[in-house]
Each structure stands twice: as C-alpha cells, then as structure tokens.
Amino acid sequence: MSSIIQDDQVFNNEVSFCKVYSKESKRILEERFLQNRISYYIDWQDKSFLQRIFGVDKDKILCTVRINKADIERARELVSGLEDVKVRDFDRVGNRGKNKGKTKKK
C-alpha cells in the first residue's frame, strides 16, 4: 500500500498579507476576515525597550497578518479603506525574477 503524502509535496501557501498599526484596525480586520471565512495568523512584533518606556499612544501596535495566498484578492477588497493597515504589493513581488537570465536580442 502506498502513502498519499509524498516527500516533495508542499502545503504551506501562507503569505504575509499586511501590517497593522492600531488595535482598532486589527479588531475590524479580524471581524471582516471571520465574517468572510478567511483564515489568518497574526505575527506580533515586539516593541523595543525604549518604545515601551517612552511610547505615548497605547493603542499603537505592530503586527503582520498572514493569510492563504488563494484569499489575497478577496482580502484586499475587505481591507480597502481601513486606516493603519498597509497591504503588501503582490504585483511587484510576483513579477520579480521573471526575466532573470534572459537577454534581449537587438
């Protein structure tokens, strides 16, 4: 009997979708993703020691939201108009390296 899972199969389709800079925007983003059945993972960035001591605004945060790459277009529509959310530019990143190694003929 053979196994279904092969060694060369890759199941990790997770991408860093956006960075969120406020608690309120994170709350709204989570609600929208849950209502639209988009699974996500929040990767928290730690503040430095000086940021914790001298940080004025307690509602400011920094986290990266990771989603499945199949949900990028739907998620992009859901986050449009949210303040303090910076969506990663997938068009520019996706085209990187396409022409690598090719030379232009004159």
Protein backbone atom coordinates (compact mmCIF):
# COMPACT_ATOMS: atom_id res chain seq x y z
CA MET A 1 0.00 0.00 0.00
CA SER A 2 1.44 3.42 -0.93
CA SER A 3 1.28 6.59 1.09
CA ILE A 4 -0.77 9.57 -0.07
CA ILE A 5 1.74 12.11 1.22
CA GLN A 6 4.91 12.34 -0.82
CA ASP A 7 8.16 13.97 0.32
CA ASP A 8 8.12 16.62 -2.39
CA GLN A 9 4.60 17.93 -1.64
CA VAL A 10 4.35 21.44 -0.21
CA PHE A 11 1.30 22.56 1.75
CA ASN A 12 2.48 25.92 3.04
CA ASN A 13 0.60 28.52 0.98
CA GLU A 14 0.76 31.22 3.64
CA VAL A 15 1.92 34.74 2.72
CA SER A 16 2.48 37.93 4.67
CA PHE A 17 -0.55 39.94 3.57
CA CYS A 18 -0.36 43.20 5.51
CA LYS A 19 0.98 45.08 8.51
CA VAL A 20 -1.43 46.55 11.05
CA TYR A 21 -0.52 49.53 13.24
CA SER A 22 -3.55 50.06 15.55
CA LYS A 23 -5.70 47.91 17.81
CA GLU A 24 -8.94 49.22 16.33
CA SER A 25 -7.89 48.40 12.75
CA LYS A 26 -6.82 44.91 13.86
CA ARG A 27 -10.20 44.33 15.50
CA ILE A 28 -12.09 45.43 12.38
CA LEU A 29 -9.82 43.36 10.12
CA GLU A 30 -10.37 40.25 12.24
CA GLU A 31 -14.15 40.72 12.17
CA ARG A 32 -14.18 41.09 8.38
CA PHE A 33 -11.96 38.05 7.86
CA LEU A 34 -14.08 35.92 10.19
CA GLN A 35 -17.35 37.00 8.53
CA ASN A 36 -15.91 36.12 5.11
CA ARG A 37 -14.31 32.84 6.22
CA ILE A 38 -10.71 33.88 5.58
CA SER A 39 -8.30 32.14 7.90
CA TYR A 40 -5.41 34.23 9.17
CA TYR A 41 -2.47 34.22 11.54
CA ILE A 42 -1.23 37.27 13.43
CA ASP A 43 2.51 37.54 13.94
CA TRP A 44 3.22 40.09 16.70
CA GLN A 45 6.37 42.22 16.58
CA ASP A 46 7.82 43.11 19.94
CA LYS A 47 8.39 46.73 20.83
CA SER A 48 11.87 47.76 21.83
CA PHE A 49 12.62 48.64 25.43
CA LEU A 50 12.65 52.39 24.66
CA GLN A 51 9.36 52.18 22.74
CA ARG A 52 7.73 50.52 25.76
CA ILE A 53 9.05 53.16 28.15
CA PHE A 54 8.50 56.29 26.05
CA GLY A 55 5.59 55.13 23.89
CA VAL A 56 2.85 57.74 24.08
CA ASP A 57 -0.03 56.01 22.30
CA LYS A 58 -1.04 52.73 23.96
CA ASP A 59 -3.36 51.85 21.04
CA LYS A 60 -0.46 51.65 18.58
CA ILE A 61 0.73 48.14 17.76
CA LEU A 62 2.74 46.42 15.06
CA CYS A 63 1.74 43.03 13.73
CA THR A 64 1.85 41.14 10.45
CA VAL A 65 -1.26 39.34 9.23
CA ARG A 66 -0.61 36.16 7.26
CA ILE A 67 -3.26 34.52 5.05
CA ASN A 68 -3.51 31.81 2.41
CA LYS A 69 -2.38 33.10 -0.97
CA ALA A 70 -5.65 31.88 -2.56
CA ASP A 71 -7.54 34.51 -0.50
CA ILE A 72 -5.43 37.55 -1.46
CA GLU A 73 -7.89 39.20 -3.86
CA ARG A 74 -10.88 38.75 -1.55
CA ALA A 75 -8.90 40.01 1.45
CA ARG A 76 -7.69 43.04 -0.50
CA GLU A 77 -11.31 44.11 -1.05
CA LEU A 78 -12.08 43.66 2.66
CA VAL A 79 -9.23 45.85 3.91
CA SER A 80 -9.71 48.70 1.46
CA GLY A 81 -10.43 51.90 3.36
CA LEU A 82 -9.01 50.72 6.69
CA GLU A 83 -6.61 53.14 8.32
CA ASP A 84 -3.34 51.92 9.82
CA VAL A 85 -3.24 48.86 7.52
CA LYS A 86 -0.51 48.57 4.89
CA VAL A 87 -1.14 45.81 2.35
CA ARG A 88 1.88 44.22 0.70
CA ASP A 89 2.23 44.87 -3.04
CA PHE A 90 1.91 41.39 -4.54
CA ASP A 91 2.01 42.51 -8.20
CA ARG A 92 5.53 43.88 -7.92
CA VAL A 93 6.80 40.91 -5.88
CA GLY A 94 5.16 38.33 -8.16
CA ASN A 95 6.93 39.64 -11.26
CA ARG A 96 10.36 39.72 -9.68
CA GLY A 97 12.78 37.40 -11.39
CA LYS A 98 10.57 36.51 -14.38
CA ASN A 99 13.13 37.73 -16.90
CA LYS A 100 16.10 36.60 -14.90
CA GLY A 101 18.81 35.16 -17.11
CA LYS A 102 17.16 36.23 -20.36
CA THR A 103 18.94 38.65 -22.63
CA LYS A 104 17.32 40.98 -25.07
CA LYS A 105 18.22 40.45 -28.73
CA LYS A 106 18.94 43.52 -30.82
